[in-house]
Amino acid sequence: MRAFTVLAIILALAPPALAAPATVADEIRQLEHDSNEAYQANDLAKYFGYYADDFRGLFPEGFSTKADYVKSWTETVKSGHGIERFTYSDMQVQVSPGKDAAVASYHAVATTKNPGKPATDERFNETDVWFLRHGTWKLVEVHYADVGPGAQ
C-alpha cells in the first residue's frame, strides 16, 4: 500500500506532459502556425528549416527551388523589406491515408515592409504540401496564387 501511495504522490506532483497533437491534421496546423510565425518574424533560419531540400515553390513570379527561394528571400529581408504581418484564415488540412503526406490550404494576407513607403497588403490563396520524412514533416511544395486586393 505504501508503494501505491508514494507513486500517487509522485504522479500528482509531476509536471504535466506537453500535450501531443491529437491528429496529424492538428500537427500540420501547428506546423503551419509555427512556420508562418517564423515568416512573419523574418526569422530566416527557422523559416527555411521547415523546407525540404528538394522543395519547389510556385510563386506569382514563377517556379523556385529551395536554394533560389532562400537566396531571393534573404536578399529581400536584408534590403529592409520583408514581412510586417502575416495572417491567414479558412485553413483546410487533408491528410493522406498513410498519414505521411498532408496538404494545407488557406487564404493569406502578407503585409510587406517597404522602406520609406507605407506597408502593402498582398492577398494569396496558399497551398502547402508536407511530407513526413525520417520522422520529420517538411514542406515540399508551396503554391501562392495572387488574388489581388479585396478578393478571397
N, C-alpha and C. Protein backbone atom coordinates (compact mmCIF):
# COMPACT_ATOMS: atom_id res chain seq x y z
N MET A 1 0.82 -1.19 0.00
CA MET A 1 0.00 0.00 0.00
C MET A 1 0.86 1.25 0.00
N ARG A 2 1.98 1.19 0.73
CA ARG A 2 2.87 2.36 0.83
C ARG A 2 3.44 2.71 -0.55
N ALA A 3 3.84 1.73 -1.34
CA ALA A 3 4.38 1.99 -2.69
C ALA A 3 3.33 2.67 -3.55
N PHE A 4 2.09 2.25 -3.45
CA PHE A 4 1.00 2.85 -4.20
C PHE A 4 0.83 4.32 -3.81
N THR A 5 0.89 4.63 -2.52
CA THR A 5 0.74 5.99 -2.02
C THR A 5 1.88 6.87 -2.53
N VAL A 6 3.11 6.35 -2.48
CA VAL A 6 4.27 7.10 -2.96
C VAL A 6 4.12 7.38 -4.45
N LEU A 7 3.72 6.38 -5.24
CA LEU A 7 3.52 6.56 -6.67
C LEU A 7 2.44 7.60 -6.94
N ALA A 8 1.36 7.57 -6.20
CA ALA A 8 0.27 8.53 -6.38
C ALA A 8 0.76 9.95 -6.09
N ILE A 9 1.59 10.12 -5.07
CA ILE A 9 2.12 11.44 -4.73
C ILE A 9 3.06 11.93 -5.83
N ILE A 10 3.93 11.06 -6.32
CA ILE A 10 4.85 11.43 -7.39
C ILE A 10 4.08 11.87 -8.63
N LEU A 11 3.08 11.10 -9.01
CA LEU A 11 2.29 11.45 -10.19
C LEU A 11 1.53 12.76 -9.99
N ALA A 12 1.05 13.00 -8.79
CA ALA A 12 0.31 14.23 -8.52
C ALA A 12 1.21 15.46 -8.58
N LEU A 13 2.48 15.30 -8.18
CA LEU A 13 3.41 16.42 -8.16
C LEU A 13 4.18 16.60 -9.46
N ALA A 14 4.16 15.61 -10.31
CA ALA A 14 4.91 15.68 -11.57
C ALA A 14 4.30 16.74 -12.46
N PRO A 15 5.16 17.49 -13.21
CA PRO A 15 4.60 18.49 -14.13
C PRO A 15 3.84 17.78 -15.25
N PRO A 16 2.78 18.40 -15.74
CA PRO A 16 2.03 17.75 -16.82
C PRO A 16 2.89 17.63 -18.07
N ALA A 17 2.74 16.54 -18.77
CA ALA A 17 3.46 16.35 -20.02
C ALA A 17 2.89 17.30 -21.06
N LEU A 18 3.76 17.72 -21.98
CA LEU A 18 3.27 18.55 -23.08
C LEU A 18 2.30 17.74 -23.90
N ALA A 19 1.19 18.34 -24.23
CA ALA A 19 0.16 17.63 -24.98
C ALA A 19 0.62 17.46 -26.42
N ALA A 20 0.58 16.24 -26.88
CA ALA A 20 0.91 15.96 -28.28
C ALA A 20 -0.32 16.27 -29.12
N PRO A 21 -0.10 16.66 -30.38
CA PRO A 21 -1.25 16.91 -31.23
C PRO A 21 -2.14 15.66 -31.30
N ALA A 22 -3.44 15.89 -31.31
CA ALA A 22 -4.39 14.78 -31.29
C ALA A 22 -4.40 14.02 -32.61
N THR A 23 -4.17 14.72 -33.72
CA THR A 23 -4.21 14.08 -35.03
C THR A 23 -3.10 14.64 -35.90
N VAL A 24 -2.87 13.99 -37.02
CA VAL A 24 -1.90 14.51 -37.99
C VAL A 24 -2.35 15.89 -38.48
N ALA A 25 -3.64 16.05 -38.71
CA ALA A 25 -4.14 17.36 -39.15
C ALA A 25 -3.82 18.44 -38.12
N ASP A 26 -3.95 18.12 -36.84
CA ASP A 26 -3.60 19.08 -35.79
C ASP A 26 -2.11 19.40 -35.83
N GLU A 27 -1.30 18.39 -36.05
CA GLU A 27 0.15 18.59 -36.14
C GLU A 27 0.49 19.51 -37.31
N ILE A 28 -0.16 19.31 -38.44
CA ILE A 28 0.08 20.16 -39.61
C ILE A 28 -0.38 21.59 -39.33
N ARG A 29 -1.53 21.75 -38.69
CA ARG A 29 -1.98 23.10 -38.32
C ARG A 29 -0.95 23.79 -37.43
N GLN A 30 -0.36 23.05 -36.49
CA GLN A 30 0.66 23.63 -35.62
C GLN A 30 1.91 23.99 -36.43
N LEU A 31 2.32 23.13 -37.35
CA LEU A 31 3.47 23.44 -38.20
C LEU A 31 3.21 24.67 -39.06
N GLU A 32 1.99 24.77 -39.59
CA GLU A 32 1.63 25.96 -40.36
C GLU A 32 1.73 27.21 -39.48
N HIS A 33 1.19 27.12 -38.28
CA HIS A 33 1.27 28.25 -37.36
C HIS A 33 2.72 28.63 -37.09
N ASP A 34 3.55 27.64 -36.77
CA ASP A 34 4.94 27.90 -36.41
C ASP A 34 5.74 28.44 -37.59
N SER A 35 5.55 27.85 -38.77
CA SER A 35 6.30 28.33 -39.95
C SER A 35 5.85 29.72 -40.34
N ASN A 36 4.56 30.01 -40.22
CA ASN A 36 4.06 31.34 -40.55
C ASN A 36 4.50 32.38 -39.51
N GLU A 37 4.65 31.97 -38.26
CA GLU A 37 5.20 32.87 -37.23
C GLU A 37 6.65 33.22 -37.56
N ALA A 38 7.43 32.23 -37.98
CA ALA A 38 8.83 32.48 -38.37
C ALA A 38 8.89 33.39 -39.59
N TYR A 39 7.98 33.18 -40.54
CA TYR A 39 7.89 34.03 -41.74
C TYR A 39 7.60 35.47 -41.33
N GLN A 40 6.60 35.65 -40.47
CA GLN A 40 6.22 36.99 -40.02
C GLN A 40 7.35 37.67 -39.26
N ALA A 41 8.12 36.90 -38.50
CA ALA A 41 9.23 37.45 -37.72
C ALA A 41 10.49 37.66 -38.57
N ASN A 42 10.42 37.27 -39.85
CA ASN A 42 11.58 37.35 -40.74
C ASN A 42 12.77 36.57 -40.15
N ASP A 43 12.46 35.47 -39.47
CA ASP A 43 13.47 34.57 -38.89
C ASP A 43 13.82 33.55 -39.97
N LEU A 44 14.78 33.92 -40.80
CA LEU A 44 15.08 33.12 -41.99
C LEU A 44 15.55 31.71 -41.66
N ALA A 45 16.41 31.55 -40.67
CA ALA A 45 16.92 30.21 -40.34
C ALA A 45 15.78 29.29 -39.91
N LYS A 46 14.93 29.80 -39.02
CA LYS A 46 13.81 28.98 -38.55
C LYS A 46 12.83 28.72 -39.70
N TYR A 47 12.50 29.76 -40.44
CA TYR A 47 11.53 29.64 -41.54
C TYR A 47 11.98 28.60 -42.56
N PHE A 48 13.20 28.71 -43.04
CA PHE A 48 13.66 27.78 -44.06
C PHE A 48 13.97 26.40 -43.50
N GLY A 49 14.04 26.26 -42.19
CA GLY A 49 14.21 24.95 -41.57
C GLY A 49 13.02 24.03 -41.80
N TYR A 50 11.87 24.59 -42.12
CA TYR A 50 10.66 23.79 -42.39
C TYR A 50 10.67 23.22 -43.81
N TYR A 51 11.54 23.70 -44.66
CA TYR A 51 11.53 23.34 -46.08
C TYR A 51 12.44 22.15 -46.39
N ALA A 52 11.95 21.26 -47.26
CA ALA A 52 12.75 20.13 -47.73
C ALA A 52 13.81 20.64 -48.72
N ASP A 53 14.91 19.92 -48.79
CA ASP A 53 15.96 20.32 -49.75
C ASP A 53 15.46 20.28 -51.19
N ASP A 54 14.51 19.38 -51.48
CA ASP A 54 14.00 19.27 -52.85
C ASP A 54 12.71 20.07 -53.04
N PHE A 55 12.51 21.07 -52.20
CA PHE A 55 11.34 21.95 -52.28
C PHE A 55 11.20 22.59 -53.66
N ARG A 56 9.94 22.78 -54.04
CA ARG A 56 9.62 23.54 -55.25
C ARG A 56 8.49 24.49 -54.90
N GLY A 57 8.68 25.74 -55.24
CA GLY A 57 7.65 26.75 -55.00
C GLY A 57 7.08 27.24 -56.31
N LEU A 58 5.80 27.48 -56.29
CA LEU A 58 5.15 28.11 -57.45
C LEU A 58 4.60 29.44 -56.95
N PHE A 59 5.33 30.49 -57.27
CA PHE A 59 5.00 31.83 -56.82
C PHE A 59 4.48 32.65 -58.01
N PRO A 60 3.86 33.79 -57.76
CA PRO A 60 3.39 34.61 -58.88
C PRO A 60 4.51 34.93 -59.89
N GLU A 61 5.75 34.98 -59.40
CA GLU A 61 6.89 35.28 -60.29
C GLU A 61 7.36 34.05 -61.07
N GLY A 62 6.91 32.86 -60.69
CA GLY A 62 7.32 31.63 -61.36
C GLY A 62 7.79 30.57 -60.39
N PHE A 63 8.38 29.51 -60.92
CA PHE A 63 8.87 28.39 -60.12
C PHE A 63 10.14 28.77 -59.39
N SER A 64 10.39 28.09 -58.25
CA SER A 64 11.59 28.34 -57.48
C SER A 64 12.03 27.05 -56.79
N THR A 65 13.33 26.86 -56.69
CA THR A 65 13.89 25.80 -55.87
C THR A 65 14.12 26.35 -54.47
N LYS A 66 14.46 25.50 -53.53
CA LYS A 66 14.75 25.99 -52.19
C LYS A 66 15.93 26.94 -52.21
N ALA A 67 17.00 26.57 -52.92
CA ALA A 67 18.19 27.42 -52.97
C ALA A 67 17.86 28.80 -53.54
N ASP A 68 17.08 28.82 -54.62
CA ASP A 68 16.70 30.11 -55.21
C ASP A 68 15.82 30.93 -54.27
N TYR A 69 14.89 30.27 -53.60
CA TYR A 69 13.99 30.96 -52.68
C TYR A 69 14.76 31.51 -51.49
N VAL A 70 15.66 30.70 -50.92
CA VAL A 70 16.48 31.17 -49.80
C VAL A 70 17.26 32.40 -50.22
N LYS A 71 17.88 32.34 -51.39
CA LYS A 71 18.69 33.47 -51.88
C LYS A 71 17.84 34.71 -52.07
N SER A 72 16.74 34.59 -52.80
CA SER A 72 15.95 35.78 -53.12
C SER A 72 15.25 36.35 -51.88
N TRP A 73 14.71 35.47 -51.02
CA TRP A 73 14.00 36.00 -49.85
C TRP A 73 14.98 36.59 -48.84
N THR A 74 16.15 36.00 -48.70
CA THR A 74 17.18 36.55 -47.81
C THR A 74 17.58 37.95 -48.29
N GLU A 75 17.78 38.11 -49.58
CA GLU A 75 18.12 39.44 -50.14
C GLU A 75 16.99 40.43 -49.88
N THR A 76 15.75 39.98 -50.03
CA THR A 76 14.60 40.85 -49.80
C THR A 76 14.57 41.33 -48.35
N VAL A 77 14.71 40.41 -47.41
CA VAL A 77 14.66 40.76 -45.99
C VAL A 77 15.84 41.66 -45.62
N LYS A 78 17.02 41.34 -46.10
CA LYS A 78 18.22 42.13 -45.76
C LYS A 78 18.16 43.53 -46.36
N SER A 79 17.36 43.72 -47.40
CA SER A 79 17.23 45.05 -48.02
C SER A 79 16.26 45.95 -47.26
N GLY A 80 15.65 45.40 -46.17
CA GLY A 80 14.73 46.18 -45.37
C GLY A 80 13.27 45.91 -45.69
N HIS A 81 13.05 45.09 -46.67
CA HIS A 81 11.68 44.68 -46.98
C HIS A 81 11.36 43.50 -46.07
N GLY A 82 10.50 42.65 -46.45
CA GLY A 82 10.15 41.50 -45.62
C GLY A 82 8.72 41.62 -45.15
N ILE A 83 8.41 40.84 -44.14
CA ILE A 83 7.03 40.75 -43.67
C ILE A 83 6.85 41.56 -42.39
N GLU A 84 5.84 42.38 -42.39
CA GLU A 84 5.46 43.13 -41.19
C GLU A 84 4.40 42.35 -40.41
N ARG A 85 3.48 41.74 -41.14
CA ARG A 85 2.41 40.96 -40.52
C ARG A 85 1.94 39.90 -41.52
N PHE A 86 1.60 38.73 -41.00
CA PHE A 86 1.08 37.65 -41.84
C PHE A 86 -0.11 37.04 -41.13
N THR A 87 -1.25 37.05 -41.80
CA THR A 87 -2.46 36.45 -41.23
C THR A 87 -3.03 35.45 -42.23
N TYR A 88 -3.76 34.51 -41.70
CA TYR A 88 -4.39 33.52 -42.59
C TYR A 88 -5.72 33.09 -42.00
N SER A 89 -6.57 32.56 -42.87
CA SER A 89 -7.90 32.14 -42.44
C SER A 89 -8.37 30.99 -43.31
N ASP A 90 -9.44 30.37 -42.86
CA ASP A 90 -10.12 29.30 -43.62
C ASP A 90 -9.19 28.14 -43.97
N MET A 91 -8.32 27.76 -43.03
CA MET A 91 -7.40 26.67 -43.31
C MET A 91 -8.14 25.33 -43.38
N GLN A 92 -7.81 24.58 -44.40
CA GLN A 92 -8.28 23.21 -44.56
C GLN A 92 -7.05 22.31 -44.64
N VAL A 93 -7.07 21.19 -43.93
CA VAL A 93 -5.96 20.25 -43.96
C VAL A 93 -6.49 18.90 -44.39
N GLN A 94 -5.84 18.32 -45.38
CA GLN A 94 -6.16 16.96 -45.84
C GLN A 94 -4.92 16.11 -45.62
N VAL A 95 -5.12 14.91 -45.09
CA VAL A 95 -4.03 14.00 -44.76
C VAL A 95 -4.15 12.75 -45.61
N SER A 96 -3.01 12.26 -46.09
CA SER A 96 -3.01 11.05 -46.91
C SER A 96 -3.44 9.84 -46.06
N PRO A 97 -3.95 8.80 -46.71
CA PRO A 97 -4.35 7.60 -45.97
C PRO A 97 -3.19 6.99 -45.16
N GLY A 98 -1.97 7.12 -45.67
CA GLY A 98 -0.80 6.60 -44.96
C GLY A 98 -0.29 7.52 -43.87
N LYS A 99 -0.90 8.69 -43.73
CA LYS A 99 -0.54 9.68 -42.72
C LYS A 99 0.91 10.14 -42.85
N ASP A 100 1.43 10.12 -44.09
CA ASP A 100 2.80 10.57 -44.32
C ASP A 100 2.87 11.74 -45.30
N ALA A 101 1.72 12.28 -45.66
CA ALA A 101 1.64 13.46 -46.52
C ALA A 101 0.39 14.24 -46.14
N ALA A 102 0.48 15.55 -46.29
CA ALA A 102 -0.67 16.39 -45.96
C ALA A 102 -0.63 17.65 -46.83
N VAL A 103 -1.82 18.18 -47.06
CA VAL A 103 -1.97 19.41 -47.81
C VAL A 103 -2.76 20.39 -46.94
N ALA A 104 -2.20 21.59 -46.78
CA ALA A 104 -2.90 22.66 -46.07
C ALA A 104 -3.16 23.78 -47.07
N SER A 105 -4.38 24.28 -47.08
CA SER A 105 -4.70 25.40 -47.96
C SER A 105 -5.48 26.44 -47.17
N TYR A 106 -5.26 27.70 -47.53
CA TYR A 106 -5.88 28.79 -46.78
C TYR A 106 -5.76 30.10 -47.53
N HIS A 107 -6.51 31.10 -47.08
CA HIS A 107 -6.39 32.47 -47.54
C HIS A 107 -5.30 33.13 -46.69
N ALA A 108 -4.44 33.93 -47.31
CA ALA A 108 -3.37 34.59 -46.57
C ALA A 108 -3.27 36.05 -46.98
N VAL A 109 -2.91 36.88 -46.01
CA VAL A 109 -2.61 38.28 -46.27
C VAL A 109 -1.23 38.54 -45.70
N ALA A 110 -0.30 38.94 -46.58
CA ALA A 110 1.05 39.28 -46.17
C ALA A 110 1.19 40.80 -46.27
N THR A 111 1.44 41.43 -45.15
CA THR A 111 1.70 42.86 -45.14
C THR A 111 3.21 43.03 -45.24
N THR A 112 3.66 43.57 -46.35
CA THR A 112 5.10 43.66 -46.61
C THR A 112 5.63 45.06 -46.31
N LYS A 113 6.82 45.08 -45.75
CA LYS A 113 7.52 46.33 -45.44
C LYS A 113 8.07 46.92 -46.73
N ASN A 114 8.01 48.22 -46.81
CA ASN A 114 8.57 48.94 -47.96
C ASN A 114 9.31 50.16 -47.40
N PRO A 115 10.64 50.06 -47.22
CA PRO A 115 11.37 51.18 -46.60
C PRO A 115 11.05 52.51 -47.28
N GLY A 116 10.68 53.48 -46.43
CA GLY A 116 10.38 54.81 -46.93
C GLY A 116 8.97 54.96 -47.49
N LYS A 117 8.20 53.88 -47.50
CA LYS A 117 6.84 53.90 -48.03
C LYS A 117 5.93 53.13 -47.08
N PRO A 118 4.63 53.32 -47.22
CA PRO A 118 3.71 52.54 -46.39
C PRO A 118 3.79 51.04 -46.74
N ALA A 119 3.52 50.22 -45.73
CA ALA A 119 3.45 48.77 -45.96
C ALA A 119 2.27 48.47 -46.89
N THR A 120 2.37 47.37 -47.61
CA THR A 120 1.30 46.99 -48.53
C THR A 120 0.80 45.58 -48.20
N ASP A 121 -0.48 45.37 -48.44
CA ASP A 121 -1.08 44.04 -48.24
C ASP A 121 -1.09 43.29 -49.56
N GLU A 122 -0.62 42.07 -49.50
CA GLU A 122 -0.70 41.17 -50.65
C GLU A 122 -1.57 40.00 -50.24
N ARG A 123 -2.55 39.67 -51.07
CA ARG A 123 -3.52 38.62 -50.76
C ARG A 123 -3.26 37.41 -51.64
N PHE A 124 -3.24 36.25 -50.99
CA PHE A 124 -2.96 35.00 -51.69
C PHE A 124 -3.93 33.92 -51.26
N ASN A 125 -4.13 32.96 -52.11
CA ASN A 125 -4.61 31.65 -51.71
C ASN A 125 -3.35 30.79 -51.70
N GLU A 126 -3.11 30.13 -50.60
CA GLU A 126 -1.87 29.37 -50.44
C GLU A 126 -2.18 27.90 -50.26
N THR A 127 -1.37 27.07 -50.89
CA THR A 127 -1.42 25.62 -50.71
C THR A 127 -0.03 25.15 -50.35
N ASP A 128 0.08 24.42 -49.24
CA ASP A 128 1.35 23.86 -48.77
C ASP A 128 1.25 22.35 -48.73
N VAL A 129 2.26 21.69 -49.27
CA VAL A 129 2.30 20.22 -49.27
C VAL A 129 3.43 19.78 -48.34
N TRP A 130 3.08 18.95 -47.37
CA TRP A 130 4.01 18.45 -46.36
C TRP A 130 4.21 16.95 -46.55
N PHE A 131 5.45 16.49 -46.45
CA PHE A 131 5.77 15.06 -46.44
C PHE A 131 6.46 14.73 -45.12
N LEU A 132 6.12 13.58 -44.58
CA LEU A 132 6.80 13.07 -43.38
C LEU A 132 7.99 12.25 -43.85
N ARG A 133 9.19 12.75 -43.55
CA ARG A 133 10.42 12.08 -43.97
C ARG A 133 11.31 11.84 -42.76
N HIS A 134 11.65 10.58 -42.55
CA HIS A 134 12.54 10.21 -41.44
C HIS A 134 12.02 10.79 -40.12
N GLY A 135 10.69 10.78 -39.96
CA GLY A 135 10.08 11.22 -38.71
C GLY A 135 9.88 12.72 -38.58
N THR A 136 10.20 13.48 -39.63
CA THR A 136 10.08 14.94 -39.58
C THR A 136 9.24 15.43 -40.75
N TRP A 137 8.30 16.32 -40.46
CA TRP A 137 7.49 16.92 -41.51
C TRP A 137 8.28 18.02 -42.20
N LYS A 138 8.27 18.01 -43.54
CA LYS A 138 8.96 19.03 -44.34
C LYS A 138 8.03 19.53 -45.43
N LEU A 139 8.12 20.82 -45.70
CA LEU A 139 7.39 21.42 -46.82
C LEU A 139 8.10 21.05 -48.11
N VAL A 140 7.37 20.42 -49.03
CA VAL A 140 7.97 20.03 -50.30
C VAL A 140 7.45 20.85 -51.47
N GLU A 141 6.30 21.48 -51.28
CA GLU A 141 5.71 22.28 -52.36
C GLU A 141 4.85 23.37 -51.73
N VAL A 142 4.98 24.58 -52.26
CA VAL A 142 4.15 25.70 -51.86
C VAL A 142 3.66 26.38 -53.12
N HIS A 143 2.38 26.74 -53.11
CA HIS A 143 1.80 27.47 -54.24
C HIS A 143 1.08 28.69 -53.70
N TYR A 144 1.54 29.87 -54.13
CA TYR A 144 0.86 31.13 -53.82
C TYR A 144 0.14 31.57 -55.06
N ALA A 145 -1.17 31.74 -54.97
CA ALA A 145 -1.95 32.31 -56.06
C ALA A 145 -2.39 33.71 -55.63
N ASP A 146 -1.88 34.71 -56.31
CA ASP A 146 -2.21 36.10 -56.02
C ASP A 146 -3.68 36.33 -56.35
N VAL A 147 -4.45 36.78 -55.36
CA VAL A 147 -5.87 37.01 -55.61
C VAL A 147 -6.22 38.49 -55.68
N GLY A 148 -5.23 39.37 -55.53
CA GLY A 148 -5.46 40.80 -55.66
C GLY A 148 -6.15 41.41 -54.46
N PRO A 149 -6.25 42.74 -54.47
CA PRO A 149 -6.83 43.43 -53.32
C PRO A 149 -8.32 43.12 -53.16
N GLY A 150 -8.71 42.88 -51.91
CA GLY A 150 -10.12 42.68 -51.60
C GLY A 150 -10.70 41.33 -51.97
N ALA A 151 -10.00 40.53 -52.77
CA ALA A 151 -10.53 39.23 -53.20
C ALA A 151 -10.16 38.16 -52.19
N GLN A 152 -10.88 37.04 -52.25
CA GLN A 152 -10.51 35.88 -51.41
C GLN A 152 -10.55 34.62 -52.20
